[in-house]
Amino acid sequence: QVQLVESGGGLVQAGGSLRLSCVASGTIFGFNHMGWYRQVPGKQRELVATITRGGITNYADSVKGRFTISGDTAKNTVYLLMNGLKPEDTAVYYCNLHFLSGVEYWGKGTLVTVSS
């Protein structure tokens, strides 16, 4: 079993920054990638950024150049540094851990609110 716990969300003004953290625990050996997704009410959950065990990153076009995903394998933690935040970035942000088998786990989410 895998547990993912997110933290770092909050209220920030447009143009500001936040750093989200996700700590993974449990049987995570051999995972393929971790990532961040976000969801607003009434819309589908969407990809924000992912990072593989080897450190290869992938970003949604809407956050490229503003957000940076990184990982600390010693701490089983993945981070999302969000700069230049916009009101449209307001969402609940979810951490995801994905195995090659297709099994995946989700955290409970952390709310990010960007005021204009």
N, C-alpha and C. Protein backbone atom coordinates (compact mmCIF):
# COMPACT_ATOMS: atom_id res chain seq x y z
N GLN A 1 0.85 -1.19 0.00
CA GLN A 1 0.00 0.00 0.00
C GLN A 1 0.89 1.25 0.00
N VAL A 2 0.40 2.28 -0.63
CA VAL A 2 1.14 3.53 -0.75
C VAL A 2 0.30 4.67 -0.19
N GLN A 3 0.94 5.55 0.54
CA GLN A 3 0.26 6.75 1.02
C GLN A 3 1.01 7.97 0.48
N LEU A 4 0.23 8.93 0.05
CA LEU A 4 0.78 10.19 -0.46
C LEU A 4 0.16 11.33 0.32
N VAL A 5 1.00 12.19 0.87
CA VAL A 5 0.50 13.30 1.67
C VAL A 5 1.05 14.60 1.09
N GLU A 6 0.13 15.44 0.64
CA GLU A 6 0.51 16.73 0.06
C GLU A 6 0.48 17.82 1.12
N SER A 7 1.27 18.85 0.89
CA SER A 7 1.25 20.03 1.74
C SER A 7 1.76 21.22 0.93
N GLY A 8 1.54 22.42 1.48
CA GLY A 8 2.08 23.62 0.85
C GLY A 8 1.08 24.49 0.13
N GLY A 9 -0.16 24.03 0.03
CA GLY A 9 -1.17 24.86 -0.61
C GLY A 9 -1.53 26.06 0.23
N GLY A 10 -2.29 26.98 -0.37
CA GLY A 10 -2.70 28.16 0.37
C GLY A 10 -3.20 29.24 -0.56
N LEU A 11 -3.32 30.43 0.00
CA LEU A 11 -3.81 31.59 -0.73
C LEU A 11 -2.62 32.49 -1.06
N VAL A 12 -2.54 32.88 -2.34
CA VAL A 12 -1.45 33.73 -2.78
C VAL A 12 -1.97 34.71 -3.81
N GLN A 13 -1.34 35.87 -3.89
CA GLN A 13 -1.73 36.84 -4.89
C GLN A 13 -1.14 36.47 -6.25
N ALA A 14 -1.81 36.93 -7.28
CA ALA A 14 -1.30 36.70 -8.64
C ALA A 14 0.13 37.21 -8.75
N GLY A 15 0.96 36.42 -9.40
CA GLY A 15 2.37 36.75 -9.52
C GLY A 15 3.23 36.15 -8.43
N GLY A 16 2.60 35.63 -7.41
CA GLY A 16 3.32 35.05 -6.29
C GLY A 16 3.77 33.63 -6.54
N SER A 17 4.33 33.03 -5.49
CA SER A 17 4.89 31.69 -5.59
C SER A 17 4.43 30.81 -4.44
N LEU A 18 4.38 29.53 -4.70
CA LEU A 18 4.14 28.51 -3.68
C LEU A 18 4.96 27.29 -4.03
N ARG A 19 5.30 26.51 -3.01
CA ARG A 19 5.95 25.23 -3.25
C ARG A 19 5.13 24.13 -2.58
N LEU A 20 4.68 23.21 -3.39
CA LEU A 20 3.95 22.05 -2.90
C LEU A 20 4.91 20.90 -2.66
N SER A 21 4.60 20.11 -1.64
CA SER A 21 5.39 18.92 -1.32
C SER A 21 4.47 17.72 -1.26
N CYS A 22 5.02 16.58 -1.63
CA CYS A 22 4.27 15.32 -1.54
C CYS A 22 5.23 14.27 -1.01
N VAL A 23 4.89 13.74 0.16
CA VAL A 23 5.71 12.69 0.77
C VAL A 23 5.04 11.35 0.53
N ALA A 24 5.80 10.43 -0.03
CA ALA A 24 5.30 9.09 -0.31
C ALA A 24 5.82 8.11 0.74
N SER A 25 4.96 7.22 1.18
CA SER A 25 5.36 6.17 2.12
C SER A 25 4.71 4.87 1.73
N GLY A 26 5.24 3.78 2.28
CA GLY A 26 4.72 2.47 1.94
C GLY A 26 5.59 1.78 0.90
N THR A 27 5.00 0.90 0.14
CA THR A 27 5.74 0.10 -0.84
C THR A 27 5.82 0.85 -2.16
N ILE A 28 6.81 1.71 -2.27
CA ILE A 28 6.95 2.52 -3.48
C ILE A 28 8.10 2.05 -4.35
N PHE A 29 8.80 1.00 -3.93
CA PHE A 29 9.93 0.51 -4.71
C PHE A 29 9.48 0.15 -6.12
N GLY A 30 10.23 0.64 -7.11
CA GLY A 30 9.95 0.29 -8.48
C GLY A 30 8.91 1.16 -9.16
N PHE A 31 8.52 2.28 -8.53
CA PHE A 31 7.53 3.13 -9.19
C PHE A 31 8.11 3.70 -10.49
N ASN A 32 7.25 4.07 -11.41
CA ASN A 32 7.70 4.59 -12.70
C ASN A 32 7.83 6.11 -12.68
N HIS A 33 6.79 6.77 -12.21
CA HIS A 33 6.89 8.22 -12.13
C HIS A 33 5.93 8.75 -11.08
N MET A 34 6.20 9.97 -10.67
CA MET A 34 5.30 10.70 -9.78
C MET A 34 4.94 12.00 -10.46
N GLY A 35 3.87 12.59 -9.99
CA GLY A 35 3.47 13.82 -10.65
C GLY A 35 2.44 14.59 -9.87
N TRP A 36 2.08 15.73 -10.44
CA TRP A 36 1.06 16.60 -9.89
C TRP A 36 -0.03 16.80 -10.93
N TYR A 37 -1.26 16.73 -10.46
CA TYR A 37 -2.43 17.00 -11.27
C TYR A 37 -3.26 18.03 -10.53
N ARG A 38 -4.19 18.66 -11.23
CA ARG A 38 -5.05 19.63 -10.56
C ARG A 38 -6.47 19.51 -11.11
N GLN A 39 -7.39 19.96 -10.27
CA GLN A 39 -8.81 19.86 -10.64
C GLN A 39 -9.58 21.03 -10.05
N VAL A 40 -10.45 21.61 -10.88
CA VAL A 40 -11.38 22.61 -10.40
C VAL A 40 -12.78 22.01 -10.49
N PRO A 41 -13.69 22.49 -9.67
CA PRO A 41 -15.05 21.93 -9.68
C PRO A 41 -15.67 21.97 -11.08
N GLY A 42 -16.25 20.85 -11.47
CA GLY A 42 -16.93 20.78 -12.75
C GLY A 42 -16.03 20.46 -13.93
N LYS A 43 -14.74 20.31 -13.67
CA LYS A 43 -13.82 20.00 -14.75
C LYS A 43 -13.05 18.72 -14.44
N GLN A 44 -12.49 18.13 -15.48
CA GLN A 44 -11.69 16.93 -15.30
C GLN A 44 -10.35 17.27 -14.67
N ARG A 45 -9.82 16.28 -13.96
CA ARG A 45 -8.48 16.43 -13.41
C ARG A 45 -7.49 16.49 -14.57
N GLU A 46 -6.54 17.41 -14.48
CA GLU A 46 -5.59 17.58 -15.58
C GLU A 46 -4.15 17.48 -15.08
N LEU A 47 -3.31 17.03 -16.00
CA LEU A 47 -1.89 16.92 -15.71
C LEU A 47 -1.27 18.30 -15.53
N VAL A 48 -0.41 18.41 -14.52
CA VAL A 48 0.38 19.62 -14.35
C VAL A 48 1.84 19.31 -14.71
N ALA A 49 2.41 18.30 -14.04
CA ALA A 49 3.81 17.95 -14.29
C ALA A 49 4.08 16.55 -13.75
N THR A 50 5.01 15.86 -14.39
CA THR A 50 5.44 14.55 -13.91
C THR A 50 6.96 14.47 -13.93
N ILE A 51 7.48 13.55 -13.13
CA ILE A 51 8.92 13.31 -13.10
C ILE A 51 9.14 11.82 -12.96
N THR A 52 10.01 11.26 -13.78
CA THR A 52 10.30 9.83 -13.71
C THR A 52 11.35 9.56 -12.63
N ARG A 53 11.54 8.28 -12.34
CA ARG A 53 12.58 7.93 -11.37
C ARG A 53 13.94 8.41 -11.83
N GLY A 54 14.10 8.49 -13.15
CA GLY A 54 15.37 8.93 -13.71
C GLY A 54 15.50 10.44 -13.81
N GLY A 55 14.45 11.15 -13.41
CA GLY A 55 14.52 12.61 -13.39
C GLY A 55 14.02 13.30 -14.65
N ILE A 56 13.42 12.55 -15.56
CA ILE A 56 12.87 13.16 -16.77
C ILE A 56 11.54 13.81 -16.42
N THR A 57 11.40 15.07 -16.81
CA THR A 57 10.21 15.83 -16.45
C THR A 57 9.33 16.09 -17.66
N ASN A 58 8.08 16.33 -17.37
CA ASN A 58 7.09 16.65 -18.39
C ASN A 58 6.12 17.65 -17.79
N TYR A 59 5.74 18.66 -18.59
CA TYR A 59 4.88 19.72 -18.10
C TYR A 59 3.72 19.98 -19.04
N ALA A 60 2.61 20.39 -18.45
CA ALA A 60 1.51 20.90 -19.27
C ALA A 60 1.96 22.22 -19.89
N ASP A 61 1.48 22.48 -21.09
CA ASP A 61 1.87 23.72 -21.77
C ASP A 61 1.52 24.96 -20.94
N SER A 62 0.44 24.87 -20.20
CA SER A 62 -0.04 26.04 -19.45
C SER A 62 0.88 26.43 -18.30
N VAL A 63 1.78 25.53 -17.89
CA VAL A 63 2.65 25.84 -16.75
C VAL A 63 4.13 25.87 -17.12
N LYS A 64 4.45 25.53 -18.35
CA LYS A 64 5.85 25.53 -18.76
C LYS A 64 6.47 26.91 -18.56
N GLY A 65 7.68 26.89 -18.00
CA GLY A 65 8.37 28.15 -17.75
C GLY A 65 8.00 28.80 -16.43
N ARG A 66 6.95 28.33 -15.79
CA ARG A 66 6.52 28.90 -14.50
C ARG A 66 6.65 27.89 -13.36
N PHE A 67 6.36 26.64 -13.64
CA PHE A 67 6.38 25.60 -12.61
C PHE A 67 7.59 24.70 -12.80
N THR A 68 8.12 24.18 -11.69
CA THR A 68 9.24 23.25 -11.74
C THR A 68 8.97 22.09 -10.81
N ILE A 69 9.02 20.88 -11.36
CA ILE A 69 8.86 19.68 -10.55
C ILE A 69 10.24 19.11 -10.25
N SER A 70 10.40 18.62 -9.03
CA SER A 70 11.68 18.01 -8.64
C SER A 70 11.41 16.93 -7.60
N GLY A 71 12.41 16.09 -7.41
CA GLY A 71 12.23 15.01 -6.45
C GLY A 71 13.45 14.83 -5.57
N ASP A 72 13.22 14.33 -4.38
CA ASP A 72 14.28 13.99 -3.44
C ASP A 72 14.08 12.53 -3.07
N THR A 73 14.86 11.66 -3.70
CA THR A 73 14.65 10.23 -3.48
C THR A 73 14.95 9.82 -2.06
N ALA A 74 15.88 10.49 -1.42
CA ALA A 74 16.22 10.15 -0.04
C ALA A 74 15.05 10.42 0.91
N LYS A 75 14.25 11.40 0.56
CA LYS A 75 13.10 11.76 1.40
C LYS A 75 11.79 11.25 0.84
N ASN A 76 11.85 10.51 -0.28
CA ASN A 76 10.61 10.02 -0.93
C ASN A 76 9.63 11.16 -1.15
N THR A 77 10.15 12.28 -1.59
CA THR A 77 9.33 13.48 -1.70
C THR A 77 9.46 14.07 -3.10
N VAL A 78 8.34 14.54 -3.62
CA VAL A 78 8.33 15.27 -4.87
C VAL A 78 7.79 16.66 -4.59
N TYR A 79 8.37 17.65 -5.25
CA TYR A 79 8.01 19.04 -5.04
C TYR A 79 7.46 19.65 -6.33
N LEU A 80 6.66 20.68 -6.16
CA LEU A 80 6.22 21.48 -7.29
C LEU A 80 6.39 22.94 -6.90
N LEU A 81 7.38 23.58 -7.50
CA LEU A 81 7.61 25.00 -7.27
C LEU A 81 6.81 25.77 -8.31
N MET A 82 5.93 26.61 -7.84
CA MET A 82 5.04 27.35 -8.73
C MET A 82 5.34 28.84 -8.63
N ASN A 83 5.86 29.39 -9.70
CA ASN A 83 6.14 30.82 -9.78
C ASN A 83 5.19 31.50 -10.75
N GLY A 84 5.06 32.79 -10.64
CA GLY A 84 4.21 33.53 -11.56
C GLY A 84 2.79 33.02 -11.58
N LEU A 85 2.25 32.75 -10.39
CA LEU A 85 0.91 32.15 -10.31
C LEU A 85 -0.15 33.08 -10.88
N LYS A 86 -1.13 32.47 -11.51
CA LYS A 86 -2.24 33.19 -12.14
C LYS A 86 -3.55 32.73 -11.51
N PRO A 87 -4.59 33.55 -11.55
CA PRO A 87 -5.88 33.11 -11.00
C PRO A 87 -6.35 31.79 -11.60
N GLU A 88 -6.04 31.55 -12.86
CA GLU A 88 -6.47 30.30 -13.51
C GLU A 88 -5.71 29.08 -13.00
N ASP A 89 -4.70 29.29 -12.17
CA ASP A 89 -4.01 28.16 -11.53
C ASP A 89 -4.74 27.69 -10.28
N THR A 90 -5.77 28.42 -9.88
CA THR A 90 -6.55 28.03 -8.70
C THR A 90 -7.18 26.66 -8.92
N ALA A 91 -6.92 25.75 -7.99
CA ALA A 91 -7.41 24.38 -8.11
C ALA A 91 -6.99 23.58 -6.88
N VAL A 92 -7.52 22.39 -6.78
CA VAL A 92 -6.98 21.42 -5.82
C VAL A 92 -5.89 20.65 -6.55
N TYR A 93 -4.73 20.60 -5.96
CA TYR A 93 -3.58 19.93 -6.56
C TYR A 93 -3.39 18.57 -5.90
N TYR A 94 -3.28 17.55 -6.74
CA TYR A 94 -3.16 16.18 -6.27
C TYR A 94 -1.81 15.59 -6.66
N CYS A 95 -1.24 14.86 -5.74
CA CYS A 95 -0.01 14.12 -6.00
C CYS A 95 -0.39 12.72 -6.52
N ASN A 96 0.39 12.24 -7.44
CA ASN A 96 0.14 10.93 -8.06
C ASN A 96 1.43 10.13 -8.11
N LEU A 97 1.32 8.84 -7.84
CA LEU A 97 2.45 7.92 -7.99
C LEU A 97 1.99 6.78 -8.88
N HIS A 98 2.79 6.48 -9.90
CA HIS A 98 2.37 5.55 -10.94
C HIS A 98 3.40 4.45 -11.12
N PHE A 99 2.90 3.21 -11.16
CA PHE A 99 3.75 2.06 -11.44
C PHE A 99 3.59 1.64 -12.91
N LEU A 100 4.60 0.98 -13.45
CA LEU A 100 4.53 0.50 -14.83
C LEU A 100 3.35 -0.44 -15.04
N SER A 101 2.97 -1.16 -14.00
CA SER A 101 1.84 -2.09 -14.10
C SER A 101 0.53 -1.37 -14.37
N GLY A 102 0.54 -0.06 -14.16
CA GLY A 102 -0.68 0.71 -14.33
C GLY A 102 -1.35 1.07 -13.01
N VAL A 103 -0.89 0.43 -11.95
CA VAL A 103 -1.42 0.77 -10.64
C VAL A 103 -0.95 2.18 -10.27
N GLU A 104 -1.85 2.95 -9.74
CA GLU A 104 -1.48 4.29 -9.33
C GLU A 104 -2.20 4.68 -8.04
N TYR A 105 -1.60 5.64 -7.36
CA TYR A 105 -2.14 6.12 -6.10
C TYR A 105 -2.25 7.64 -6.14
N TRP A 106 -3.19 8.13 -5.34
CA TRP A 106 -3.44 9.57 -5.28
C TRP A 106 -3.41 10.05 -3.85
N GLY A 107 -2.95 11.28 -3.68
CA GLY A 107 -3.09 11.92 -2.39
C GLY A 107 -4.48 12.53 -2.28
N LYS A 108 -4.75 13.15 -1.12
CA LYS A 108 -6.07 13.74 -0.90
C LYS A 108 -6.18 15.15 -1.46
N GLY A 109 -5.06 15.74 -1.83
CA GLY A 109 -5.09 17.04 -2.47
C GLY A 109 -4.81 18.19 -1.52
N THR A 110 -4.32 19.27 -2.10
CA THR A 110 -4.09 20.50 -1.35
C THR A 110 -4.59 21.67 -2.21
N LEU A 111 -5.32 22.57 -1.58
CA LEU A 111 -5.97 23.65 -2.31
C LEU A 111 -5.00 24.82 -2.53
N VAL A 112 -4.93 25.27 -3.77
CA VAL A 112 -4.18 26.46 -4.13
C VAL A 112 -5.17 27.49 -4.65
N THR A 113 -5.17 28.66 -4.03
CA THR A 113 -6.05 29.74 -4.45
C THR A 113 -5.21 30.95 -4.80
N VAL A 114 -5.38 31.45 -6.02
CA VAL A 114 -4.63 32.61 -6.49
C VAL A 114 -5.60 33.76 -6.70
N SER A 115 -5.41 34.81 -5.95
CA SER A 115 -6.30 35.97 -6.05
C SER A 115 -5.75 36.98 -7.06
N SER A 116 -6.67 37.66 -7.71
CA SER A 116 -6.27 38.63 -8.74
C SER A 116 -6.05 40.00 -8.15
